N, C-alpha and C. Protein backbone atom coordinates (compact mmCIF):
# COMPACT_ATOMS: atom_id res chain seq x y z
N MET A 1 -10.90 -3.88 12.11
CA MET A 1 -10.34 -4.13 10.80
C MET A 1 -11.42 -3.79 9.77
N PRO A 2 -11.22 -2.75 8.98
CA PRO A 2 -12.26 -2.34 8.03
C PRO A 2 -12.17 -3.07 6.68
N TYR A 3 -11.90 -4.38 6.72
CA TYR A 3 -11.94 -5.19 5.52
C TYR A 3 -12.10 -6.65 5.92
N ARG A 4 -12.59 -7.47 4.96
CA ARG A 4 -12.70 -8.91 5.20
C ARG A 4 -12.42 -9.62 3.89
N PHE A 5 -11.75 -10.76 3.98
CA PHE A 5 -11.42 -11.53 2.80
C PHE A 5 -12.60 -12.41 2.40
N ARG A 6 -12.75 -12.62 1.09
CA ARG A 6 -13.90 -13.34 0.56
C ARG A 6 -13.44 -14.55 -0.25
N GLY A 7 -13.81 -15.72 0.17
CA GLY A 7 -13.48 -16.93 -0.57
C GLY A 7 -14.55 -17.31 -1.57
N ASP A 8 -15.66 -16.58 -1.58
CA ASP A 8 -16.78 -16.95 -2.44
C ASP A 8 -16.75 -16.25 -3.80
N ILE A 9 -15.79 -15.37 -4.06
CA ILE A 9 -15.76 -14.63 -5.32
C ILE A 9 -14.82 -15.26 -6.33
N ALA A 10 -13.62 -15.59 -5.90
CA ALA A 10 -12.62 -16.12 -6.82
C ALA A 10 -11.85 -17.25 -6.15
N ARG A 11 -11.60 -18.29 -6.88
CA ARG A 11 -10.90 -19.45 -6.32
C ARG A 11 -9.37 -19.33 -6.50
N ALA A 12 -8.92 -18.88 -7.66
CA ALA A 12 -7.49 -18.80 -7.93
C ALA A 12 -6.91 -17.44 -7.52
N ASP A 13 -7.76 -16.49 -7.24
CA ASP A 13 -7.33 -15.17 -6.83
C ASP A 13 -7.77 -14.91 -5.40
N ILE A 14 -7.47 -13.73 -4.89
CA ILE A 14 -7.88 -13.37 -3.53
C ILE A 14 -8.79 -12.15 -3.61
N ALA A 15 -9.96 -12.24 -2.99
CA ALA A 15 -10.95 -11.16 -3.01
C ALA A 15 -11.18 -10.64 -1.60
N PHE A 16 -11.52 -9.35 -1.51
CA PHE A 16 -11.89 -8.78 -0.23
C PHE A 16 -12.87 -7.63 -0.41
N ASP A 17 -13.60 -7.36 0.64
CA ASP A 17 -14.42 -6.16 0.74
C ASP A 17 -13.71 -5.24 1.71
N ALA A 18 -13.72 -3.95 1.41
CA ALA A 18 -13.16 -2.95 2.32
C ALA A 18 -14.20 -1.86 2.49
N TRP A 19 -14.14 -1.14 3.62
CA TRP A 19 -15.12 -0.09 3.85
C TRP A 19 -14.51 1.02 4.69
N GLY A 20 -15.18 2.16 4.64
CA GLY A 20 -14.79 3.30 5.46
C GLY A 20 -15.87 4.35 5.42
N GLU A 21 -15.87 5.23 6.40
CA GLU A 21 -16.87 6.29 6.44
C GLU A 21 -16.65 7.31 5.33
N SER A 22 -15.39 7.48 4.91
CA SER A 22 -15.06 8.41 3.83
C SER A 22 -14.32 7.63 2.73
N LEU A 23 -14.18 8.27 1.57
CA LEU A 23 -13.39 7.65 0.50
C LEU A 23 -11.95 7.42 0.96
N GLU A 24 -11.40 8.38 1.70
CA GLU A 24 -10.03 8.24 2.19
C GLU A 24 -9.90 7.02 3.10
N GLU A 25 -10.84 6.82 4.02
CA GLU A 25 -10.80 5.65 4.90
C GLU A 25 -10.93 4.36 4.10
N LEU A 26 -11.77 4.37 3.09
CA LEU A 26 -11.93 3.20 2.24
C LEU A 26 -10.62 2.86 1.54
N PHE A 27 -9.95 3.85 0.96
CA PHE A 27 -8.70 3.62 0.24
C PHE A 27 -7.63 3.08 1.19
N ILE A 28 -7.55 3.62 2.39
CA ILE A 28 -6.56 3.16 3.36
C ILE A 28 -6.84 1.71 3.75
N ALA A 29 -8.11 1.37 3.99
CA ALA A 29 -8.47 -0.01 4.34
C ALA A 29 -8.13 -0.96 3.19
N ALA A 30 -8.41 -0.57 1.96
CA ALA A 30 -8.11 -1.42 0.80
C ALA A 30 -6.60 -1.61 0.65
N ALA A 31 -5.83 -0.56 0.91
CA ALA A 31 -4.37 -0.67 0.85
C ALA A 31 -3.86 -1.64 1.92
N GLN A 32 -4.40 -1.54 3.12
CA GLN A 32 -3.99 -2.44 4.20
C GLN A 32 -4.34 -3.89 3.87
N ALA A 33 -5.52 -4.11 3.32
CA ALA A 33 -5.92 -5.47 2.95
C ALA A 33 -5.00 -6.02 1.86
N THR A 34 -4.68 -5.19 0.88
CA THR A 34 -3.78 -5.62 -0.20
C THR A 34 -2.42 -5.99 0.35
N MET A 35 -1.89 -5.17 1.25
CA MET A 35 -0.58 -5.46 1.83
C MET A 35 -0.63 -6.70 2.73
N GLU A 36 -1.76 -6.90 3.43
CA GLU A 36 -1.87 -8.06 4.30
C GLU A 36 -1.86 -9.37 3.51
N VAL A 37 -2.29 -9.33 2.26
CA VAL A 37 -2.21 -10.51 1.41
C VAL A 37 -0.74 -10.88 1.18
N MET A 38 0.12 -9.87 1.10
CA MET A 38 1.54 -10.09 0.78
C MET A 38 2.42 -10.29 2.01
N VAL A 39 2.06 -9.66 3.15
CA VAL A 39 2.88 -9.70 4.36
C VAL A 39 1.99 -10.11 5.53
N HIS A 40 2.42 -11.11 6.28
CA HIS A 40 1.60 -11.61 7.39
C HIS A 40 1.38 -10.60 8.50
N ASP A 41 2.41 -9.82 8.82
CA ASP A 41 2.33 -8.90 9.95
C ASP A 41 2.67 -7.49 9.47
N LEU A 42 1.63 -6.68 9.28
CA LEU A 42 1.85 -5.31 8.78
C LEU A 42 2.65 -4.47 9.75
N SER A 43 2.61 -4.79 11.03
CA SER A 43 3.38 -4.01 12.01
C SER A 43 4.88 -4.21 11.85
N ALA A 44 5.30 -5.22 11.08
CA ALA A 44 6.72 -5.46 10.83
C ALA A 44 7.29 -4.49 9.79
N ILE A 45 6.42 -3.75 9.11
CA ILE A 45 6.87 -2.80 8.11
C ILE A 45 7.23 -1.49 8.82
N ARG A 46 8.52 -1.18 8.83
CA ARG A 46 8.99 0.03 9.50
C ARG A 46 8.86 1.24 8.57
N PRO A 47 8.58 2.41 9.11
CA PRO A 47 8.40 3.62 8.28
C PRO A 47 9.74 4.31 7.97
N LEU A 48 10.59 3.65 7.18
CA LEU A 48 11.93 4.16 6.90
C LEU A 48 12.01 4.95 5.59
N VAL A 49 11.12 4.66 4.66
CA VAL A 49 11.14 5.29 3.34
C VAL A 49 9.80 6.01 3.13
N THR A 50 9.87 7.21 2.56
CA THR A 50 8.66 7.96 2.23
C THR A 50 8.51 8.04 0.71
N VAL A 51 7.32 7.75 0.23
CA VAL A 51 7.00 7.84 -1.19
C VAL A 51 5.69 8.61 -1.32
N GLU A 52 5.67 9.58 -2.22
CA GLU A 52 4.44 10.32 -2.50
C GLU A 52 3.91 9.93 -3.86
N THR A 53 2.60 9.93 -3.99
CA THR A 53 1.98 9.65 -5.28
C THR A 53 0.83 10.61 -5.51
N HIS A 54 0.64 10.96 -6.76
CA HIS A 54 -0.47 11.79 -7.20
C HIS A 54 -1.15 11.05 -8.34
N LEU A 55 -2.44 10.84 -8.21
CA LEU A 55 -3.20 10.14 -9.24
C LEU A 55 -4.44 10.95 -9.58
N GLU A 56 -4.90 10.81 -10.81
CA GLU A 56 -6.13 11.47 -11.23
C GLU A 56 -6.90 10.52 -12.12
N GLN A 57 -8.20 10.43 -11.88
CA GLN A 57 -9.06 9.55 -12.67
C GLN A 57 -10.44 10.18 -12.80
N SER A 58 -11.22 9.63 -13.71
CA SER A 58 -12.57 10.16 -13.96
C SER A 58 -13.58 9.73 -12.91
N ASP A 59 -13.31 8.63 -12.20
CA ASP A 59 -14.26 8.17 -11.17
C ASP A 59 -13.51 7.50 -10.01
N GLN A 60 -14.25 7.25 -8.93
CA GLN A 60 -13.67 6.67 -7.73
C GLN A 60 -13.15 5.25 -7.96
N GLU A 61 -13.86 4.48 -8.78
CA GLU A 61 -13.45 3.10 -9.02
C GLU A 61 -12.07 3.03 -9.65
N MET A 62 -11.87 3.79 -10.72
CA MET A 62 -10.58 3.74 -11.40
C MET A 62 -9.47 4.36 -10.55
N LEU A 63 -9.83 5.31 -9.69
CA LEU A 63 -8.85 5.90 -8.79
C LEU A 63 -8.36 4.85 -7.79
N LEU A 64 -9.27 4.09 -7.21
CA LEU A 64 -8.87 3.02 -6.29
C LEU A 64 -8.07 1.95 -7.03
N PHE A 65 -8.49 1.60 -8.21
CA PHE A 65 -7.78 0.61 -9.03
C PHE A 65 -6.33 1.04 -9.24
N ASP A 66 -6.11 2.29 -9.67
CA ASP A 66 -4.76 2.79 -9.89
C ASP A 66 -3.96 2.88 -8.59
N PHE A 67 -4.62 3.30 -7.52
CA PHE A 67 -3.97 3.44 -6.21
C PHE A 67 -3.42 2.10 -5.72
N LEU A 68 -4.23 1.05 -5.78
CA LEU A 68 -3.78 -0.26 -5.32
C LEU A 68 -2.71 -0.83 -6.24
N ASN A 69 -2.84 -0.60 -7.54
CA ASN A 69 -1.81 -1.07 -8.46
C ASN A 69 -0.50 -0.32 -8.25
N ASP A 70 -0.54 0.93 -7.78
CA ASP A 70 0.68 1.66 -7.43
C ASP A 70 1.43 0.94 -6.30
N LEU A 71 0.69 0.50 -5.27
CA LEU A 71 1.33 -0.25 -4.18
C LEU A 71 2.04 -1.49 -4.71
N ILE A 72 1.39 -2.19 -5.61
CA ILE A 72 1.96 -3.41 -6.17
C ILE A 72 3.18 -3.07 -7.04
N PHE A 73 3.10 -1.97 -7.79
CA PHE A 73 4.22 -1.53 -8.62
C PHE A 73 5.46 -1.26 -7.75
N TYR A 74 5.29 -0.52 -6.65
CA TYR A 74 6.42 -0.23 -5.78
C TYR A 74 7.01 -1.49 -5.17
N LYS A 75 6.17 -2.46 -4.86
CA LYS A 75 6.67 -3.74 -4.34
C LYS A 75 7.50 -4.46 -5.40
N ASP A 76 7.05 -4.46 -6.64
CA ASP A 76 7.75 -5.17 -7.71
C ASP A 76 8.97 -4.40 -8.24
N ALA A 77 8.82 -3.11 -8.48
CA ALA A 77 9.88 -2.33 -9.13
C ALA A 77 10.97 -1.86 -8.16
N ARG A 78 10.57 -1.54 -6.94
CA ARG A 78 11.54 -0.98 -5.99
C ARG A 78 11.69 -1.82 -4.73
N ARG A 79 10.99 -2.97 -4.69
CA ARG A 79 11.05 -3.89 -3.54
C ARG A 79 10.64 -3.20 -2.25
N LEU A 80 9.62 -2.31 -2.33
CA LEU A 80 9.16 -1.56 -1.17
C LEU A 80 7.81 -2.09 -0.70
N LEU A 81 7.70 -2.26 0.60
CA LEU A 81 6.43 -2.55 1.26
C LEU A 81 5.96 -1.23 1.85
N LEU A 82 4.83 -0.74 1.38
CA LEU A 82 4.36 0.60 1.76
C LEU A 82 2.96 0.56 2.32
N LEU A 83 2.71 1.45 3.27
CA LEU A 83 1.38 1.66 3.82
C LEU A 83 1.07 3.16 3.75
N PRO A 84 -0.18 3.52 3.50
CA PRO A 84 -0.50 4.94 3.42
C PRO A 84 -0.45 5.61 4.79
N LEU A 85 0.26 6.73 4.85
CA LEU A 85 0.34 7.53 6.07
C LEU A 85 -0.65 8.67 6.00
N GLU A 86 -0.68 9.34 4.87
CA GLU A 86 -1.61 10.45 4.62
C GLU A 86 -2.28 10.20 3.28
N LEU A 87 -3.53 10.60 3.18
CA LEU A 87 -4.25 10.42 1.92
C LEU A 87 -5.36 11.45 1.83
N SER A 88 -5.44 12.12 0.69
CA SER A 88 -6.54 13.05 0.47
C SER A 88 -7.06 12.87 -0.95
N ILE A 89 -8.37 13.01 -1.09
CA ILE A 89 -9.03 12.89 -2.39
C ILE A 89 -9.89 14.12 -2.58
N THR A 90 -9.75 14.75 -3.74
CA THR A 90 -10.59 15.89 -4.09
C THR A 90 -11.33 15.57 -5.38
N ALA A 91 -12.53 16.11 -5.47
CA ALA A 91 -13.35 15.90 -6.67
C ALA A 91 -13.73 17.25 -7.25
N THR A 92 -13.18 17.53 -8.41
CA THR A 92 -13.52 18.76 -9.14
C THR A 92 -13.61 18.40 -10.62
N GLY A 93 -14.67 17.72 -11.00
CA GLY A 93 -14.80 17.22 -12.36
C GLY A 93 -14.15 15.85 -12.50
N THR A 94 -12.93 15.71 -12.02
CA THR A 94 -12.25 14.42 -11.92
C THR A 94 -11.90 14.20 -10.46
N TYR A 95 -11.42 13.01 -10.17
CA TYR A 95 -11.00 12.68 -8.81
C TYR A 95 -9.48 12.69 -8.75
N ALA A 96 -8.93 13.46 -7.82
CA ALA A 96 -7.49 13.56 -7.66
C ALA A 96 -7.11 13.04 -6.27
N LEU A 97 -6.05 12.26 -6.23
CA LEU A 97 -5.58 11.66 -4.99
C LEU A 97 -4.14 12.09 -4.76
N HIS A 98 -3.85 12.46 -3.54
CA HIS A 98 -2.48 12.68 -3.10
C HIS A 98 -2.27 11.77 -1.89
N ALA A 99 -1.23 10.95 -1.95
CA ALA A 99 -0.95 10.03 -0.85
C ALA A 99 0.52 10.07 -0.50
N VAL A 100 0.78 9.92 0.79
CA VAL A 100 2.14 9.76 1.31
C VAL A 100 2.19 8.36 1.92
N PHE A 101 3.11 7.55 1.40
CA PHE A 101 3.31 6.20 1.90
C PHE A 101 4.57 6.18 2.74
N LYS A 102 4.57 5.32 3.75
CA LYS A 102 5.76 5.04 4.54
C LYS A 102 5.98 3.54 4.51
N GLY A 103 7.23 3.13 4.50
CA GLY A 103 7.52 1.71 4.50
C GLY A 103 9.01 1.46 4.43
N GLU A 104 9.34 0.31 3.91
CA GLU A 104 10.75 -0.06 3.81
C GLU A 104 10.93 -1.11 2.73
N GLU A 105 12.21 -1.33 2.41
CA GLU A 105 12.55 -2.36 1.43
C GLU A 105 12.26 -3.74 2.03
N ILE A 106 11.86 -4.65 1.18
CA ILE A 106 11.57 -6.02 1.62
C ILE A 106 12.81 -6.64 2.24
N ASP A 107 12.63 -7.20 3.42
CA ASP A 107 13.69 -7.89 4.15
C ASP A 107 13.14 -9.28 4.48
N ALA A 108 13.61 -10.27 3.73
CA ALA A 108 13.08 -11.63 3.90
C ALA A 108 13.32 -12.18 5.30
N GLN A 109 14.32 -11.65 5.99
CA GLN A 109 14.60 -12.10 7.36
C GLN A 109 13.55 -11.59 8.35
N ARG A 110 13.04 -10.39 8.12
CA ARG A 110 12.09 -9.78 9.06
C ARG A 110 10.64 -9.85 8.61
N HIS A 111 10.39 -9.80 7.33
CA HIS A 111 9.01 -9.80 6.82
C HIS A 111 8.59 -11.22 6.45
N ARG A 112 7.54 -11.67 7.09
CA ARG A 112 6.98 -12.98 6.74
C ARG A 112 6.11 -12.79 5.50
N LEU A 113 6.69 -12.99 4.33
CA LEU A 113 5.97 -12.81 3.07
C LEU A 113 5.09 -14.02 2.82
N SER A 114 3.94 -13.76 2.23
CA SER A 114 3.04 -14.87 1.92
C SER A 114 2.79 -14.90 0.42
N THR A 115 1.71 -14.35 -0.04
CA THR A 115 1.30 -14.44 -1.44
C THR A 115 1.83 -13.26 -2.23
N ASP A 116 2.35 -13.54 -3.42
CA ASP A 116 2.82 -12.47 -4.31
C ASP A 116 1.64 -11.97 -5.14
N VAL A 117 1.24 -10.75 -4.91
CA VAL A 117 0.15 -10.15 -5.68
C VAL A 117 0.73 -9.58 -6.96
N LYS A 118 0.13 -9.96 -8.09
CA LYS A 118 0.60 -9.47 -9.39
C LYS A 118 -0.10 -8.20 -9.80
N ALA A 119 -1.42 -8.11 -9.54
CA ALA A 119 -2.18 -6.94 -9.98
C ALA A 119 -3.58 -6.97 -9.37
N VAL A 120 -4.24 -5.82 -9.46
CA VAL A 120 -5.66 -5.73 -9.14
C VAL A 120 -6.40 -6.05 -10.43
N THR A 121 -7.48 -6.81 -10.34
CA THR A 121 -8.24 -7.16 -11.53
C THR A 121 -9.54 -6.34 -11.57
N MET A 122 -10.16 -6.32 -12.73
CA MET A 122 -11.45 -5.64 -12.88
C MET A 122 -12.62 -6.59 -12.55
N HIS A 123 -12.32 -7.87 -12.34
CA HIS A 123 -13.37 -8.84 -12.04
C HIS A 123 -14.08 -8.46 -10.74
N ARG A 124 -15.37 -8.19 -10.82
CA ARG A 124 -16.22 -7.83 -9.68
C ARG A 124 -15.74 -6.59 -8.93
N PHE A 125 -14.82 -5.83 -9.51
CA PHE A 125 -14.28 -4.64 -8.87
C PHE A 125 -15.38 -3.58 -8.78
N SER A 126 -15.55 -3.00 -7.59
CA SER A 126 -16.57 -1.95 -7.45
C SER A 126 -16.26 -1.05 -6.27
N VAL A 127 -16.69 0.18 -6.39
CA VAL A 127 -16.67 1.16 -5.31
C VAL A 127 -18.06 1.75 -5.27
N ARG A 128 -18.67 1.75 -4.08
CA ARG A 128 -20.05 2.25 -4.00
C ARG A 128 -20.26 2.97 -2.67
N GLN A 129 -21.13 3.95 -2.74
CA GLN A 129 -21.49 4.68 -1.53
C GLN A 129 -22.72 4.03 -0.94
N GLU A 130 -22.64 3.70 0.34
CA GLU A 130 -23.74 3.08 1.08
C GLU A 130 -24.23 4.09 2.11
N LEU A 131 -25.30 3.76 2.83
CA LEU A 131 -25.82 4.65 3.87
C LEU A 131 -24.78 4.97 4.94
N GLU A 132 -23.97 3.97 5.31
CA GLU A 132 -23.01 4.15 6.40
C GLU A 132 -21.62 4.56 5.93
N GLY A 133 -21.44 4.78 4.63
CA GLY A 133 -20.13 5.20 4.12
C GLY A 133 -19.85 4.60 2.76
N TRP A 134 -18.60 4.23 2.55
CA TRP A 134 -18.15 3.71 1.26
C TRP A 134 -17.73 2.26 1.40
N GLN A 135 -17.94 1.48 0.33
CA GLN A 135 -17.55 0.08 0.33
C GLN A 135 -16.95 -0.26 -1.04
N ALA A 136 -15.98 -1.17 -1.03
CA ALA A 136 -15.36 -1.63 -2.28
C ALA A 136 -15.22 -3.15 -2.24
N THR A 137 -15.28 -3.75 -3.41
CA THR A 137 -14.95 -5.15 -3.58
C THR A 137 -13.77 -5.20 -4.54
N VAL A 138 -12.74 -5.93 -4.14
CA VAL A 138 -11.49 -5.98 -4.89
C VAL A 138 -11.08 -7.44 -5.05
N VAL A 139 -10.62 -7.79 -6.26
CA VAL A 139 -10.05 -9.11 -6.53
C VAL A 139 -8.61 -8.91 -6.97
N LEU A 140 -7.69 -9.59 -6.29
CA LEU A 140 -6.27 -9.49 -6.58
C LEU A 140 -5.80 -10.72 -7.35
N ASP A 141 -5.06 -10.49 -8.41
CA ASP A 141 -4.45 -11.56 -9.19
C ASP A 141 -3.18 -12.01 -8.47
N VAL A 142 -3.15 -13.28 -8.08
CA VAL A 142 -1.98 -13.78 -7.33
C VAL A 142 -1.29 -14.89 -8.10
């Protein structure tokens, strides 16, 4: 599991660190951690619906911020629980992300929902490159 939840950062919110050898692996791990806050068993999310997203930002931090908020938007606006299937990031002056999500509409009978995430916050939010890859700290407003 390339993420861990942190109780030492925020008391009323939920914080986690995520990591990966590449930016793409980091983004996927952060998406999985965000979804795990909302759904107890990620394997219960069936790949019935496909959603593509394209994002562009000036830096990696804001790209991850927008990416995670997209997941929350789809949950709120379209009642979709999504996980990234494919993800690519290119850097040519700005950072561009293309992602393909798979998932399904929320089914209260099958999905054990837990905490409703409202948004990603900027509190202690960071993306950094380390010797062994990339790491992020994320705080979710719940």
